[in-house]
Amino acid sequence: MVLLAFDFVDNGRHADMAPGSTDLDAIAFVLNRMQQLTFSNPLPYGRFQFMVPPLADRFEGFISADEAHALKGSNLLHTDTNPHNVLMYGHRQNRACMVDWAMPAIGPAWVDPALTAVRLMESGHTPAEALRWLEGFTSWQHADPEAVKVFVNATCRQWTARVGEKDAQYSNGNYEALLGYRHKSVKRPVPRKRPGVS
C-alpha cells in the first residue's frame, strides 16, 4: 500500500541556504518543529499497517550490528533536506515547509539538522559557520558523539563505494566536519564524601 498526501503551497520558492540568507531562521524553525514528529513502527491504520524503515537499514553492508544500534531513535526523519525540498512561502516568503518526503526514516532527532548543516556547507558556508547554525538544535547539542561518528562514517563509506574515493572527497569532507563539534554531556554529580572519611 502506498500513502500519498498533497498540499498546496501558494507563492512558494526554493530555499536559499547561502551565507547571509534570510531563509536560514525559517529553515531552523521548521526543522525544530519536525523534531516533535515521532513514529512508532508499525503504525496501525484501520486494517493496514504503515512501516517507515529505520535509518540504519539505509546503510546495510556499511555498518555493523553494533553501529546500527547507535542509530536507533523514534523520530520521523526527512533525510533529504536539500534547498529544492524546502519551500519558502507566505506573503513575504518567510515561512518554510519541507516537501518531497520520498526517503523517510526513523532515527535520532539530530539527523535532519546535521544533514541540513552539510547542505549549508555545499551552499558556501564554512564548516565553522554551519556548526554554529547547527548548535541551535538541542538534539544536536546533546547527540551521542559515537552515534554521530557512526552516521558520518557510514555515510562516507557508502558514498565512496558509489562514486569512488576521488569523487567522494568533497562530500565526505563536509560530513567529517560534523565530527568537529563538542557535544554536551550529562554530567553526573560527584559523590560528596562523608565527614571523616578519606
Protein backbone atom coordinates (compact mmCIF):
# COMPACT_ATOMS: atom_id res chain seq x y z
CA MET A 1 0.00 0.00 0.00
CA VAL A 2 1.25 3.48 -0.88
CA LEU A 3 0.15 6.54 1.06
CA LEU A 4 0.12 9.85 -0.82
CA ALA A 5 -0.52 13.26 0.74
CA PHE A 6 -0.76 16.56 -1.10
CA ASP A 7 -0.99 20.19 -0.08
CA PHE A 8 -0.86 23.46 -1.98
CA VAL A 9 1.92 25.93 -1.23
CA ASP A 10 0.96 29.36 -2.50
CA ASN A 11 3.60 31.82 -3.70
CA GLY A 12 6.41 29.34 -2.95
CA ARG A 13 10.05 29.29 -3.99
CA HIS A 14 13.03 27.08 -3.22
CA ALA A 15 15.03 27.97 -0.13
CA ASP A 16 18.28 29.90 -0.29
CA MET A 17 20.85 28.30 2.01
CA ALA A 18 23.76 30.56 1.07
CA PRO A 19 25.63 32.62 3.70
CA GLY A 20 23.63 35.67 4.75
CA SER A 21 20.33 34.23 3.53
CA THR A 22 17.26 35.40 5.42
CA ASP A 23 15.76 31.91 4.92
CA LEU A 24 18.03 30.22 7.47
CA ASP A 25 15.98 31.16 10.53
CA ALA A 26 12.77 29.86 8.95
CA ILE A 27 14.52 26.63 7.95
CA ALA A 28 15.73 26.18 11.53
CA PHE A 29 12.20 26.84 12.78
CA VAL A 30 10.59 24.16 10.62
CA LEU A 31 13.35 21.67 11.47
CA ASN A 32 12.78 22.33 15.17
CA ARG A 33 9.07 21.63 14.68
CA MET A 34 9.95 18.42 12.87
CA GLN A 35 11.87 17.33 15.98
CA GLN A 36 8.46 16.72 17.55
CA LEU A 37 7.50 14.12 14.92
CA THR A 38 7.81 10.66 16.43
CA PHE A 39 6.72 7.43 14.84
CA SER A 40 6.01 4.02 16.28
CA ASN A 41 6.65 1.15 13.86
CA PRO A 42 4.35 -0.34 12.73
CA LEU A 43 1.67 2.35 12.79
CA PRO A 44 -1.80 0.77 12.55
CA TYR A 45 -4.30 2.44 10.25
CA GLY A 46 -7.54 0.51 10.03
CA ARG A 47 -6.70 -2.91 8.63
CA PHE A 48 -3.36 -1.65 7.32
CA GLN A 49 -0.03 -1.06 8.99
CA PHE A 50 2.46 1.57 7.91
CA MET A 51 6.17 0.95 8.27
CA VAL A 52 8.92 3.52 7.96
CA PRO A 53 12.39 1.96 7.63
CA PRO A 54 14.93 2.55 10.40
CA LEU A 55 17.77 4.86 9.39
CA ALA A 56 20.31 2.08 9.93
CA ASP A 57 18.69 -0.01 7.16
CA ARG A 58 19.89 2.55 4.65
CA PHE A 59 23.49 1.70 5.49
CA GLU A 60 23.15 -2.07 5.23
CA GLY A 61 26.51 -3.51 4.26
CA PHE A 62 28.35 -0.43 5.51
CA ILE A 63 27.80 -0.70 9.28
CA SER A 64 28.00 -3.44 11.87
CA ALA A 65 25.11 -4.55 14.09
CA ASP A 66 26.56 -2.56 16.99
CA GLU A 67 26.85 0.55 14.83
CA ALA A 68 23.28 0.10 13.62
CA HIS A 69 22.13 0.09 17.24
CA ALA A 70 23.71 3.53 17.71
CA LEU A 71 21.41 4.96 15.04
CA LYS A 72 18.20 3.85 16.73
CA GLY A 73 15.63 6.51 17.51
CA SER A 74 11.93 7.27 17.33
CA ASN A 75 11.89 10.45 15.27
CA LEU A 76 10.40 10.66 11.80
CA LEU A 77 13.20 11.92 9.55
CA HIS A 78 13.06 13.54 6.11
CA THR A 79 16.73 12.79 5.24
CA ASP A 80 16.84 14.87 2.03
CA THR A 81 16.78 18.48 3.18
CA ASN A 82 18.35 19.99 0.08
CA PRO A 83 17.22 23.52 -0.97
CA HIS A 84 14.81 22.14 -3.59
CA ASN A 85 12.92 20.25 -0.89
CA VAL A 86 12.44 23.34 1.29
CA LEU A 87 9.80 25.74 0.01
CA MET A 88 9.60 29.30 1.27
CA TYR A 89 6.04 30.61 1.24
CA GLY A 90 3.69 33.21 2.69
CA HIS A 91 3.10 36.85 1.82
CA ARG A 92 6.76 37.67 2.40
CA GLN A 93 8.04 34.16 1.64
CA ASN A 94 9.46 33.99 5.14
CA ARG A 95 7.95 30.67 6.21
CA ALA A 96 9.45 27.29 5.33
CA CYS A 97 7.93 23.89 4.71
CA MET A 98 9.61 20.59 3.94
CA VAL A 99 8.33 18.82 0.82
CA ASP A 100 9.05 15.57 -1.05
CA TRP A 101 9.14 13.05 1.78
CA ALA A 102 10.33 10.33 -0.59
CA MET A 103 13.08 8.96 1.70
CA PRO A 104 11.68 8.95 5.25
CA ALA A 105 13.39 7.05 8.02
CA ILE A 106 13.13 6.53 11.76
CA GLY A 107 16.14 7.57 13.80
CA PRO A 108 17.71 10.15 16.14
CA ALA A 109 16.23 13.66 16.06
CA TRP A 110 19.59 15.31 15.30
CA VAL A 111 19.96 13.66 11.88
CA ASP A 112 17.91 16.12 9.78
CA PRO A 113 19.60 19.22 11.26
CA ALA A 114 23.00 17.58 10.69
CA LEU A 115 22.13 16.77 7.08
CA THR A 116 20.99 20.36 6.59
CA ALA A 117 24.28 21.65 8.00
CA VAL A 118 26.04 19.67 5.27
CA ARG A 119 23.74 21.36 2.73
CA LEU A 120 24.79 24.72 4.17
CA MET A 121 28.43 23.82 3.51
CA GLU A 122 27.51 22.87 -0.04
CA SER A 123 25.86 26.29 -0.37
CA GLY A 124 29.02 28.19 0.60
CA HIS A 125 29.14 28.17 4.40
CA THR A 126 32.39 27.26 6.10
CA PRO A 127 32.26 24.21 8.38
CA ALA A 128 32.56 26.53 11.39
CA GLU A 129 29.57 28.60 10.23
CA ALA A 130 27.48 25.50 9.58
CA LEU A 131 28.31 24.10 13.01
CA ARG A 132 27.35 27.39 14.66
CA TRP A 133 23.96 27.21 12.92
CA LEU A 134 23.63 23.56 13.91
CA GLU A 135 24.27 24.43 17.54
CA GLY A 136 20.80 25.99 17.63
CA PHE A 137 19.29 22.50 17.89
CA THR A 138 19.10 20.96 21.36
CA SER A 139 19.02 17.47 19.84
CA TRP A 140 22.40 18.15 18.21
CA GLN A 141 23.91 19.69 21.32
CA HIS A 142 23.14 16.51 23.25
CA ALA A 143 23.68 13.99 20.46
CA ASP A 144 25.75 10.93 21.31
CA PRO A 145 29.18 11.61 19.73
CA GLU A 146 29.61 7.90 19.00
CA ALA A 147 26.29 7.84 17.13
CA VAL A 148 27.32 10.90 15.12
CA LYS A 149 30.61 9.18 14.28
CA VAL A 150 28.76 6.05 13.14
CA PHE A 151 26.46 8.15 10.95
CA VAL A 152 29.31 10.10 9.37
CA ASN A 153 31.50 7.04 8.77
CA ALA A 154 28.63 5.00 7.30
CA THR A 155 27.62 7.86 5.01
CA CYS A 156 31.20 8.33 3.80
CA ARG A 157 31.77 4.62 3.21
CA GLN A 158 28.54 4.32 1.27
CA TRP A 159 29.22 7.39 -0.88
CA THR A 160 32.79 6.29 -1.58
CA ALA A 161 31.52 2.88 -2.71
CA ARG A 162 29.05 4.61 -5.03
CA VAL A 163 31.22 7.25 -6.72
CA GLY A 164 34.81 6.29 -5.91
CA GLU A 165 37.29 7.70 -3.43
CA LYS A 166 38.36 10.70 -5.52
CA ASP A 167 34.85 11.93 -6.34
CA ALA A 168 33.68 11.35 -2.78
CA GLN A 169 36.33 13.54 -1.16
CA TYR A 170 34.39 16.82 -1.22
CA SER A 171 31.11 15.45 0.14
CA ASN A 172 32.86 13.22 2.67
CA GLY A 173 34.88 16.19 3.90
CA ASN A 174 31.66 18.09 4.63
CA TYR A 175 30.27 15.16 6.62
CA GLU A 176 33.52 14.69 8.50
CA ALA A 177 33.35 18.35 9.56
CA LEU A 178 30.39 17.36 11.75
CA LEU A 179 32.84 15.45 13.95
CA GLY A 180 34.47 18.72 14.98
CA TYR A 181 31.61 19.64 17.31
CA ARG A 182 31.94 19.08 21.06
CA HIS A 183 28.60 17.74 22.23
CA LYS A 184 27.28 18.48 25.67
CA SER A 185 27.19 15.53 28.02
CA VAL A 186 25.03 14.94 31.02
CA LYS A 187 27.35 15.44 33.94
CA ARG A 188 26.93 13.03 36.78
CA PRO A 189 27.11 14.61 40.23
CA VAL A 190 30.32 13.84 42.09
CA PRO A 191 29.50 11.91 45.29
CA ARG A 192 30.17 14.01 48.37
CA LYS A 193 32.45 12.44 50.95
CA ARG A 194 31.18 11.94 54.44
CA PRO A 195 33.00 13.89 57.16
CA GLY A 196 35.93 11.92 58.49
CA VAL A 197 36.01 9.57 55.51
CA SER A 198 39.11 9.76 53.33
